[in-house]
Amino acid sequence: MTGPVQRFRALPLRSRLAMLVATAVAFAVAAVALACWLTTRDRLIEQLDSGLRQVTVDRQSVEDLNAACLQGLPLNNNPGPEIPYTIQVVTPTSTKPCTWPGKSAIPVQSADRAVAAGERQDAVHTTRAKDGARMRVYTSQVHIGPLVRPGLAVSVAVPMDQVTHPLNQLAFVLLIVSGIGVIGAAAAGLWVARTGLRPVDELTDAVEHVARTEDLSLRIPVEGEDEIARLSRSFNSMTASLATSRDRQAQLIADAGHELRTPLTSLRTNVELLARSDETGRPIPPDDRRALMKSVTAQMTELASLIGDLQELARPDAAQPGPLQVVGLHDIASAALERARLRGPELTITADLEPWYVRAEPAALERAVVNVLDNAVKFSPQHGTVAVALRGGELTVVDQGPGIPAEELPYVFERFWRSPSARQLPGSGLGLSIVARTVQQAGGEVALHPSPGGGTKASIRLPGAPQPPPESS
């Protein structure tokens, strides 16, 4: 059984569809043909039985035939009138049939004897005559006026050819018509399969073209609203998304190379100066050497930060957040504030944090808050103030820096985008991109606005979550 199934599955889809259609039509045609044949047979037999019931046999002829049988007269030597029926006299104890002269005897059955004994009014059955012909037999009681002649019944039989011959012709016609229907259905199924699967062939060609050439600009024409059209739209959407993803990947690589080039060039220049000083034996003045070492340290720190941000964005699970937990946003903000104060000890950082619980990935959310605070610390003037507040699920960070021009606000969350005025400051341009992704994964929103008093106001709004129960000691 496994072999035919495997061979069937190995066939092309259009061939399988044509075979399935032909098989379904064959079953349907066979069922209809069988029902037609059976119905016709029943109707023909019913008409034949009705004709047998209407046959009238002269009572005197039956009596004479029975008397001849009782006297042992040779019936065939005394032929009676030619009739289209086989007439046979039956008694309750008949063992040898008493048949009309010139007709082949029909075996007497128990139902016939029961009619002769008065146990039944009539009986109808099919049997074979002595010459092998199939006969339809109707046995009824013999009447004398309104009374029944006891102990005697008469059987009237006709050949079943009246039924079998037209049935055989009908079966032959049904077989021919069914064969034509199945062949036509197979051809129609193959044509329908080819026509219906033409868009699938086009889609297959398109997929093979994309796999061969990596040309993601290919689009399939969409016609109608059926499943094929939906599949075509899905393919076009998929290739468009892949093209966008590839463009972003190429842009990410180009931007990463550009951002890496600056610290690497500066680091290379400083290292070459230090190496040349050691090779030539001409020492660099202490102040210049300290400045070079400080610059090398700063460039290495910037490289480490950039690489860390790239790793964060390139994580395989970057599109899917880690396990979400109910955490206190106020607790995360407090921890981030401690780190921000270490990075800007000369700044005044105020905090007004109301309790607010959210469902998020704790480590990612803390990094997002730290990035927002780092931006505020980096752009704040010396001895400036950074105000942090958490009210009603909205965390705001307001600095007194130069602010962001209105025309640059739409780009601040893009990867590697940096304001022209901030390109000389340390940073990778990835911090706010990581913030936006983390907040969106937590179901929140993040935005930057100009602060009324100058500077920038960053706001993070996250939906609340039920406060976790206190841990039992």
Protein backbone atom coordinates (compact mmCIF):
# COMPACT_ATOMS: atom_id res chain seq x y z
CA MET A 1 0.00 0.00 0.00
CA THR A 2 2.89 2.31 0.75
CA GLY A 3 4.39 1.85 -2.73
CA PRO A 4 1.34 3.11 -4.72
CA VAL A 5 0.87 6.00 -2.29
CA GLN A 6 4.49 7.03 -2.66
CA ARG A 7 4.29 6.76 -6.45
CA PHE A 8 1.11 8.82 -6.43
CA ARG A 9 2.74 11.53 -4.30
CA ALA A 10 5.73 11.54 -6.65
CA LEU A 11 3.51 12.60 -9.57
CA PRO A 12 3.21 16.28 -10.54
CA LEU A 13 0.45 18.15 -8.77
CA ARG A 14 -1.60 18.64 -11.95
CA SER A 15 -1.45 14.90 -12.67
CA ARG A 16 -2.60 14.12 -9.14
CA LEU A 17 -5.47 16.59 -9.45
CA ALA A 18 -6.52 15.08 -12.79
CA MET A 19 -6.41 11.57 -11.32
CA LEU A 20 -8.41 12.63 -8.28
CA VAL A 21 -11.03 14.32 -10.47
CA ALA A 22 -11.24 11.28 -12.74
CA THR A 23 -11.55 8.97 -9.74
CA ALA A 24 -14.25 11.09 -8.14
CA VAL A 25 -16.19 11.27 -11.42
CA ALA A 26 -15.75 7.52 -11.93
CA PHE A 27 -17.24 6.80 -8.51
CA ALA A 28 -20.10 9.23 -9.13
CA VAL A 29 -20.83 7.85 -12.60
CA ALA A 30 -20.62 4.27 -11.32
CA ALA A 31 -23.04 5.06 -8.51
CA VAL A 32 -25.49 6.75 -10.90
CA ALA A 33 -25.18 3.94 -13.47
CA LEU A 34 -25.75 1.29 -10.81
CA ALA A 35 -28.76 3.12 -9.43
CA CYS A 36 -30.15 3.50 -12.98
CA TRP A 37 -29.58 -0.19 -13.74
CA LEU A 38 -31.18 -1.37 -10.49
CA THR A 39 -34.15 0.95 -10.91
CA THR A 40 -34.69 -0.20 -14.49
CA ARG A 41 -34.41 -3.86 -13.46
CA ASP A 42 -36.98 -3.43 -10.69
CA ARG A 43 -39.35 -1.63 -13.04
CA LEU A 44 -39.02 -4.31 -15.75
CA ILE A 45 -39.57 -7.11 -13.25
CA GLU A 46 -42.54 -5.26 -11.83
CA GLN A 47 -44.03 -4.92 -15.31
CA LEU A 48 -43.33 -8.58 -16.03
CA ASP A 49 -45.05 -9.65 -12.80
CA SER A 50 -48.00 -7.42 -13.61
CA GLY A 51 -48.31 -9.08 -17.01
CA LEU A 52 -48.16 -12.56 -15.46
CA ARG A 53 -50.96 -11.68 -13.02
CA GLN A 54 -53.16 -10.62 -15.90
CA VAL A 55 -52.79 -13.96 -17.73
CA THR A 56 -56.08 -15.89 -17.64
CA VAL A 57 -55.93 -19.69 -17.84
CA ASP A 58 -59.09 -21.60 -18.71
CA ARG A 59 -60.11 -23.67 -15.69
CA GLN A 60 -61.15 -26.60 -17.90
CA SER A 61 -57.76 -26.66 -19.58
CA VAL A 62 -56.14 -26.83 -16.13
CA GLU A 63 -58.48 -29.69 -15.12
CA ASP A 64 -57.76 -31.60 -18.34
CA LEU A 65 -54.01 -31.07 -17.92
CA ASN A 66 -54.15 -32.29 -14.34
CA ALA A 67 -56.26 -35.33 -15.29
CA ALA A 68 -53.80 -36.24 -18.03
CA CYS A 69 -50.96 -36.05 -15.55
CA LEU A 70 -52.88 -38.21 -13.08
CA GLN A 71 -53.61 -40.82 -15.74
CA GLY A 72 -50.02 -40.87 -16.85
CA LEU A 73 -50.79 -39.86 -20.42
CA PRO A 74 -47.81 -38.71 -22.47
CA LEU A 75 -48.36 -34.96 -22.73
CA ASN A 76 -45.82 -34.29 -25.44
CA ASN A 77 -47.63 -36.66 -27.77
CA ASN A 78 -50.82 -34.62 -27.27
CA PRO A 79 -49.69 -31.06 -27.96
CA GLY A 80 -52.00 -28.29 -26.96
CA PRO A 81 -52.47 -24.90 -28.54
CA GLU A 82 -49.30 -22.77 -28.93
CA ILE A 83 -49.16 -20.13 -26.19
CA PRO A 84 -46.39 -17.64 -25.27
CA TYR A 85 -46.38 -18.82 -21.66
CA THR A 86 -45.36 -21.92 -19.82
CA ILE A 87 -48.34 -23.22 -17.84
CA GLN A 88 -47.87 -25.78 -15.13
CA VAL A 89 -50.32 -27.43 -12.74
CA VAL A 90 -49.22 -27.75 -9.14
CA THR A 91 -50.71 -29.84 -6.34
CA PRO A 92 -49.77 -29.79 -2.65
CA THR A 93 -47.79 -33.01 -3.12
CA SER A 94 -46.36 -32.33 -6.55
CA THR A 95 -42.92 -33.77 -7.07
CA LYS A 96 -43.02 -34.01 -10.86
CA PRO A 97 -44.19 -30.91 -12.71
CA CYS A 98 -47.28 -31.21 -14.88
CA THR A 99 -46.46 -28.83 -17.70
CA TRP A 100 -48.36 -27.62 -20.71
CA PRO A 101 -47.50 -29.68 -23.78
CA GLY A 102 -44.52 -28.41 -25.75
CA LYS A 103 -43.09 -26.42 -22.86
CA SER A 104 -40.03 -27.19 -20.72
CA ALA A 105 -40.87 -28.25 -17.19
CA ILE A 106 -40.21 -25.87 -14.30
CA PRO A 107 -39.14 -27.25 -10.92
CA VAL A 108 -41.91 -26.98 -8.35
CA GLN A 109 -40.90 -25.02 -5.27
CA SER A 110 -42.34 -25.06 -1.78
CA ALA A 111 -44.02 -21.70 -2.34
CA ASP A 112 -45.94 -23.18 -5.28
CA ARG A 113 -47.14 -26.16 -3.21
CA ALA A 114 -48.16 -23.80 -0.40
CA VAL A 115 -50.43 -21.96 -2.87
CA ALA A 116 -51.94 -25.28 -4.00
CA ALA A 117 -52.55 -26.23 -0.36
CA GLY A 118 -54.40 -22.96 0.21
CA GLU A 119 -51.74 -21.60 2.59
CA ARG A 120 -50.97 -18.69 0.29
CA GLN A 121 -52.95 -16.82 -2.34
CA ASP A 122 -50.09 -16.56 -4.81
CA ALA A 123 -46.33 -16.69 -5.14
CA VAL A 124 -43.77 -15.05 -7.46
CA HIS A 125 -40.21 -16.26 -7.93
CA THR A 126 -37.42 -16.75 -10.43
CA THR A 127 -36.05 -20.18 -11.28
CA ARG A 128 -34.55 -22.18 -14.11
CA ALA A 129 -36.53 -24.48 -16.38
CA LYS A 130 -35.34 -27.96 -17.30
CA ASP A 131 -33.76 -26.57 -20.47
CA GLY A 132 -31.71 -24.10 -18.40
CA ALA A 133 -33.66 -20.97 -19.28
CA ARG A 134 -34.27 -18.50 -16.46
CA MET A 135 -38.00 -18.12 -15.91
CA ARG A 136 -40.21 -15.77 -13.94
CA VAL A 137 -42.98 -17.81 -12.32
CA TYR A 138 -46.33 -16.64 -10.96
CA THR A 139 -48.40 -19.27 -9.10
CA SER A 140 -52.03 -18.63 -8.15
CA GLN A 141 -55.04 -20.61 -6.98
CA VAL A 142 -57.60 -22.08 -9.39
CA HIS A 143 -61.09 -20.58 -9.01
CA ILE A 144 -64.47 -22.18 -9.78
CA GLY A 145 -66.66 -19.15 -9.99
CA PRO A 146 -66.18 -17.26 -6.76
CA LEU A 147 -64.82 -20.36 -5.01
CA VAL A 148 -61.28 -21.69 -4.86
CA ARG A 149 -60.57 -25.10 -6.35
CA PRO A 150 -58.92 -26.87 -3.41
CA GLY A 151 -55.71 -28.80 -3.87
CA LEU A 152 -54.83 -27.28 -7.21
CA ALA A 153 -52.82 -24.27 -8.35
CA VAL A 154 -51.54 -23.06 -11.69
CA SER A 155 -48.13 -21.58 -12.46
CA VAL A 156 -47.63 -19.20 -15.35
CA ALA A 157 -44.02 -18.51 -16.39
CA VAL A 158 -42.23 -16.46 -19.01
CA PRO A 159 -38.55 -16.29 -19.88
CA MET A 160 -36.51 -13.65 -18.09
CA ASP A 161 -35.09 -12.60 -21.46
CA GLN A 162 -37.71 -9.89 -21.48
CA VAL A 163 -35.81 -8.37 -18.57
CA THR A 164 -32.21 -9.51 -19.01
CA HIS A 165 -31.91 -8.54 -22.67
CA PRO A 166 -32.80 -4.84 -22.23
CA LEU A 167 -30.78 -4.79 -18.99
CA ASN A 168 -27.73 -6.10 -20.82
CA GLN A 169 -28.19 -3.46 -23.50
CA LEU A 170 -28.60 -0.79 -20.81
CA ALA A 171 -25.47 -2.01 -19.01
CA PHE A 172 -23.49 -1.82 -22.25
CA VAL A 173 -24.72 1.72 -22.94
CA LEU A 174 -24.00 2.80 -19.36
CA LEU A 175 -20.51 1.32 -19.57
CA ILE A 176 -19.77 3.22 -22.79
CA VAL A 177 -21.22 6.47 -21.45
CA SER A 178 -19.41 6.05 -18.13
CA GLY A 179 -16.11 5.41 -19.87
CA ILE A 180 -16.56 8.48 -22.03
CA GLY A 181 -17.52 10.49 -18.96
CA VAL A 182 -14.48 9.36 -16.96
CA ILE A 183 -12.11 10.04 -19.86
CA GLY A 184 -13.72 13.42 -20.42
CA ALA A 185 -13.53 14.19 -16.71
CA ALA A 186 -9.85 13.25 -16.64
CA ALA A 187 -9.16 15.50 -19.62
CA ALA A 188 -11.21 18.31 -18.12
CA GLY A 189 -9.48 17.82 -14.77
CA LEU A 190 -6.08 18.00 -16.41
CA TRP A 191 -7.09 21.15 -18.28
CA VAL A 192 -8.55 22.73 -15.14
CA ALA A 193 -5.45 21.75 -13.16
CA ARG A 194 -3.16 23.29 -15.76
CA THR A 195 -5.25 26.44 -15.96
CA GLY A 196 -5.67 26.74 -12.20
CA LEU A 197 -2.03 26.01 -11.47
CA ARG A 198 -0.65 28.41 -14.06
CA PRO A 199 -0.31 31.15 -11.40
CA VAL A 200 1.44 28.59 -9.18
CA ASP A 201 3.84 27.87 -12.06
CA GLU A 202 4.48 31.58 -12.37
CA LEU A 203 5.07 31.78 -8.64
CA THR A 204 7.43 28.80 -8.83
CA ASP A 205 9.35 30.43 -11.67
CA ALA A 206 9.55 33.64 -9.66
CA VAL A 207 10.85 31.83 -6.57
CA GLU A 208 13.42 29.96 -8.65
CA HIS A 209 14.46 33.24 -10.28
CA VAL A 210 14.89 34.89 -6.89
CA ALA A 211 16.86 31.89 -5.59
CA ARG A 212 19.06 31.91 -8.68
CA THR A 213 19.65 35.65 -9.08
CA GLU A 214 18.78 37.04 -5.61
CA ASP A 215 16.71 39.66 -7.44
CA LEU A 216 14.19 40.76 -4.82
CA SER A 217 12.66 43.42 -7.06
CA LEU A 218 10.58 40.79 -8.89
CA ARG A 219 6.82 41.09 -8.37
CA ILE A 220 4.00 38.80 -9.50
CA PRO A 221 0.87 40.38 -11.03
CA VAL A 222 -2.12 39.91 -8.74
CA GLU A 223 -5.52 39.22 -10.30
CA GLY A 224 -8.74 38.57 -8.40
CA GLU A 225 -9.33 37.79 -4.75
CA ASP A 226 -8.91 33.99 -4.67
CA GLU A 227 -6.31 31.90 -2.83
CA ILE A 228 -3.81 32.24 -5.69
CA ALA A 229 -4.13 36.01 -5.53
CA ARG A 230 -3.57 35.91 -1.78
CA LEU A 231 -0.51 33.73 -2.32
CA SER A 232 0.82 36.16 -4.93
CA ARG A 233 0.27 39.11 -2.61
CA SER A 234 2.02 37.24 0.19
CA PHE A 235 4.96 36.49 -2.09
CA ASN A 236 5.19 40.12 -3.19
CA SER A 237 4.99 41.24 0.43
CA MET A 238 7.67 38.72 1.41
CA THR A 239 10.08 39.81 -1.34
CA ALA A 240 9.46 43.46 -0.48
CA SER A 241 10.21 42.75 3.19
CA LEU A 242 13.32 40.79 2.24
CA ALA A 243 14.47 43.60 -0.03
CA THR A 244 13.92 46.12 2.75
CA SER A 245 15.73 43.87 5.22
CA ARG A 246 18.65 43.43 2.82
CA ASP A 247 18.82 47.17 2.22
CA ARG A 248 18.81 47.78 5.96
CA GLN A 249 21.49 45.17 6.42
CA ALA A 250 23.63 46.78 3.73
CA GLN A 251 23.00 50.20 5.27
CA LEU A 252 23.84 48.82 8.70
CA ILE A 253 27.14 47.42 7.42
CA ALA A 254 27.96 50.66 5.62
CA ASP A 255 27.07 52.79 8.65
CA ALA A 256 28.95 50.48 10.99
CA GLY A 257 32.03 50.65 8.75
CA HIS A 258 31.78 54.43 8.63
CA GLU A 259 31.39 54.73 12.40
CA LEU A 260 34.23 52.27 13.03
CA ARG A 261 36.54 54.04 10.63
CA THR A 262 36.75 57.27 12.65
CA PRO A 263 37.85 55.82 16.03
CA LEU A 264 40.07 53.28 14.29
CA THR A 265 41.81 56.01 12.26
CA SER A 266 42.34 58.14 15.33
CA LEU A 267 43.50 55.13 17.34
CA ARG A 268 45.89 54.08 14.56
CA THR A 269 47.36 57.59 14.32
CA ASN A 270 47.97 57.79 18.06
CA VAL A 271 49.50 54.30 18.21
CA GLU A 272 51.77 55.11 15.24
CA LEU A 273 52.97 58.25 17.03
CA LEU A 274 53.76 56.27 20.17
CA ALA A 275 55.49 53.54 18.13
CA ARG A 276 57.53 56.04 16.14
CA SER A 277 58.64 57.69 19.35
CA ASP A 278 59.92 54.37 20.68
CA GLU A 279 61.58 53.45 17.37
CA THR A 280 63.40 56.77 16.90
CA GLY A 281 64.27 57.19 20.56
CA ARG A 282 62.77 60.67 20.58
CA PRO A 283 60.49 60.80 23.60
CA ILE A 284 57.19 62.58 23.43
CA PRO A 285 56.73 65.37 25.98
CA PRO A 286 54.93 64.06 29.07
CA ASP A 287 51.89 66.27 28.57
CA ASP A 288 51.54 65.22 24.94
CA ARG A 289 52.03 61.58 25.86
CA ARG A 290 49.34 61.79 28.51
CA ALA A 291 47.01 63.42 25.97
CA LEU A 292 47.77 60.65 23.47
CA MET A 293 47.12 57.92 26.02
CA LYS A 294 43.89 59.63 27.06
CA SER A 295 42.83 59.81 23.42
CA VAL A 296 43.68 56.12 22.90
CA THR A 297 41.66 55.19 25.98
CA ALA A 298 38.69 57.27 24.77
CA GLN A 299 38.79 55.73 21.29
CA MET A 300 38.98 52.21 22.74
CA THR A 301 36.02 53.00 25.00
CA GLU A 302 34.08 54.31 22.01
CA LEU A 303 34.94 51.19 20.00
CA ALA A 304 33.85 48.94 22.85
CA SER A 305 30.55 50.84 23.17
CA LEU A 306 29.95 50.69 19.41
CA ILE A 307 30.68 46.97 19.26
CA GLY A 308 28.40 46.35 22.23
CA ASP A 309 25.57 48.27 20.55
CA LEU A 310 26.11 46.34 17.30
CA GLN A 311 25.98 43.06 19.17
CA GLU A 312 22.76 44.15 20.85
CA LEU A 313 21.16 44.97 17.50
CA ALA A 314 22.48 41.82 15.81
CA ARG A 315 21.29 39.33 18.42
CA PRO A 316 19.30 36.44 16.84
CA ASP A 317 16.48 37.09 19.27
CA ALA A 318 16.56 40.84 18.75
CA ALA A 319 13.13 40.78 17.14
CA GLN A 320 11.73 38.79 20.07
CA PRO A 321 11.98 40.03 23.62
CA GLY A 322 13.30 37.81 26.37
CA PRO A 323 11.11 36.52 29.18
CA LEU A 324 8.87 39.33 30.38
CA GLN A 325 8.55 40.01 34.08
CA VAL A 326 6.57 42.41 36.20
CA VAL A 327 9.15 44.92 37.44
CA GLY A 328 9.03 48.32 39.05
CA LEU A 329 9.90 51.03 36.55
CA HIS A 330 10.75 53.27 39.50
CA ASP A 331 13.30 50.73 40.73
CA ILE A 332 14.90 50.46 37.30
CA ALA A 333 14.99 54.26 36.99
CA SER A 334 16.63 54.55 40.44
CA ALA A 335 19.38 52.10 39.46
CA ALA A 336 19.94 53.93 36.15
CA LEU A 337 20.15 57.25 38.01
CA GLU A 338 23.02 55.95 40.15
CA ARG A 339 24.99 55.11 37.01
CA ALA A 340 24.15 58.47 35.43
CA ARG A 341 25.40 60.35 38.52
CA LEU A 342 28.73 58.52 38.26
CA ARG A 343 29.08 59.59 34.64
CA GLY A 344 28.15 63.23 35.30
CA PRO A 345 29.33 64.05 38.79
CA GLU A 346 29.35 67.78 38.03
CA LEU A 347 25.65 67.75 37.09
CA THR A 348 22.63 68.13 39.35
CA ILE A 349 20.28 65.22 38.74
CA THR A 350 16.89 65.41 40.44
CA ALA A 351 14.43 62.55 40.68
CA ASP A 352 10.71 62.37 41.46
CA LEU A 353 9.66 58.76 40.98
CA GLU A 354 6.23 57.39 41.73
CA PRO A 355 5.80 53.61 41.94
CA TRP A 356 4.81 52.11 38.58
CA TYR A 357 4.97 48.44 37.62
CA VAL A 358 5.35 47.27 34.03
CA ARG A 359 5.77 43.98 32.18
CA ALA A 360 9.12 44.00 30.39
CA GLU A 361 12.55 42.38 30.12
CA PRO A 362 14.39 43.91 33.13
CA ALA A 363 17.92 44.04 31.68
CA ALA A 364 16.79 45.50 28.34
CA LEU A 365 14.53 48.05 30.00
CA GLU A 366 17.32 49.19 32.35
CA ARG A 367 19.68 49.61 29.40
CA ALA A 368 17.07 51.69 27.58
CA VAL A 369 16.65 54.01 30.58
CA VAL A 370 20.44 54.25 30.97
CA ASN A 371 20.79 55.23 27.29
CA VAL A 372 18.24 58.02 27.70
CA LEU A 373 20.03 59.31 30.83
CA ASP A 374 23.44 59.03 29.11
CA ASN A 375 22.19 61.26 26.30
CA ALA A 376 20.95 63.81 28.85
CA VAL A 377 24.29 63.73 30.70
CA LYS A 378 26.31 63.95 27.49
CA PHE A 379 24.49 66.99 26.11
CA SER A 380 23.98 68.88 29.37
CA PRO A 381 26.26 71.87 30.01
CA GLN A 382 28.69 71.77 32.88
CA HIS A 383 26.93 72.26 36.23
CA GLY A 384 23.62 71.87 34.46
CA THR A 385 20.51 70.12 35.76
CA VAL A 386 18.81 66.93 34.61
CA ALA A 387 15.26 66.44 35.91
CA VAL A 388 13.89 62.90 36.02
CA ALA A 389 10.24 62.23 36.88
CA LEU A 390 7.91 59.23 36.82
CA ARG A 391 4.19 60.00 37.03
CA GLY A 392 1.23 58.01 35.78
CA GLY A 393 3.35 55.53 33.85
CA GLU A 394 5.36 58.21 31.99
CA LEU A 395 9.08 58.55 32.64
CA THR A 396 10.44 61.96 31.57
CA VAL A 397 14.06 63.10 31.39
CA VAL A 398 14.62 66.83 30.82
CA ASP A 399 18.08 68.27 30.20
CA GLN A 400 19.39 71.79 29.60
CA GLY A 401 21.43 70.97 26.53
CA PRO A 402 21.31 72.62 23.10
CA GLY A 403 18.17 70.72 22.14
CA ILE A 404 17.29 69.01 18.87
CA PRO A 405 16.11 71.01 15.86
CA ALA A 406 12.54 70.24 14.82
CA GLU A 407 13.63 69.04 11.36
CA GLU A 408 15.91 66.42 12.96
CA LEU A 409 13.38 64.93 15.39
CA PRO A 410 11.94 62.37 12.88
CA TYR A 411 15.40 60.76 12.51
CA VAL A 412 16.62 60.52 16.09
CA PHE A 413 15.56 56.86 16.52
CA GLU A 414 17.16 55.63 13.30
CA ARG A 415 20.30 53.50 13.50
CA PHE A 416 23.58 55.42 13.32
CA TRP A 417 21.82 58.72 12.82
CA ARG A 418 23.56 61.54 14.62
CA SER A 419 22.87 65.22 14.58
CA PRO A 420 25.50 67.17 12.65
CA SER A 421 26.15 69.22 15.79
CA ALA A 422 26.82 66.02 17.81
CA ARG A 423 29.17 64.22 15.43
CA GLN A 424 32.21 65.42 17.38
CA LEU A 425 30.89 63.96 20.62
CA PRO A 426 31.47 60.33 21.61
CA GLY A 427 28.73 57.88 20.72
CA SER A 428 27.66 55.36 18.11
CA GLY A 429 24.26 56.66 17.10
CA LEU A 430 22.66 53.38 18.19
CA GLY A 431 21.55 54.21 21.73
CA LEU A 432 18.16 55.72 20.89
CA SER A 433 17.50 53.00 18.31
CA ILE A 434 17.94 50.41 21.08
CA VAL A 435 15.68 52.48 23.35
CA ALA A 436 12.90 52.60 20.73
CA ARG A 437 13.07 48.87 20.07
CA THR A 438 13.01 47.94 23.77
CA VAL A 439 10.09 50.24 24.59
CA GLN A 440 8.06 49.02 21.60
CA GLN A 441 8.63 45.39 22.61
CA ALA A 442 7.23 46.26 26.04
CA GLY A 443 4.14 47.78 24.41
CA GLY A 444 5.08 51.38 25.13
CA GLU A 445 6.00 54.58 23.32
CA VAL A 446 9.07 56.81 23.37
CA ALA A 447 9.41 60.34 22.04
CA LEU A 448 11.73 63.36 22.16
CA HIS A 449 10.41 66.93 22.34
CA PRO A 450 11.96 70.36 22.78
CA SER A 451 11.84 71.38 26.43
CA PRO A 452 10.02 74.66 27.15
CA GLY A 453 13.01 75.95 29.12
CA GLY A 454 15.53 74.87 26.49
CA GLY A 455 17.11 71.48 26.02
CA THR A 456 15.33 68.22 25.25
CA LYS A 457 12.56 66.31 26.97
CA ALA A 458 12.58 62.53 26.52
CA SER A 459 9.42 60.66 27.51
CA ILE A 460 8.88 56.92 27.87
CA ARG A 461 5.31 55.72 28.41
CA LEU A 462 4.70 52.08 29.34
CA PRO A 463 1.40 50.31 30.15
CA GLY A 464 1.00 49.32 33.77
CA ALA A 465 0.91 45.81 35.17
CA PRO A 466 -0.51 44.41 38.43
CA GLN A 467 1.87 44.85 41.35
CA PRO A 468 3.57 41.53 42.17
CA PRO A 469 2.79 40.07 45.59
CA PRO A 470 5.48 40.59 48.24
CA GLU A 471 7.92 37.73 48.60
CA SER A 472 7.44 35.68 51.76
CA SER A 473 10.47 35.52 54.05
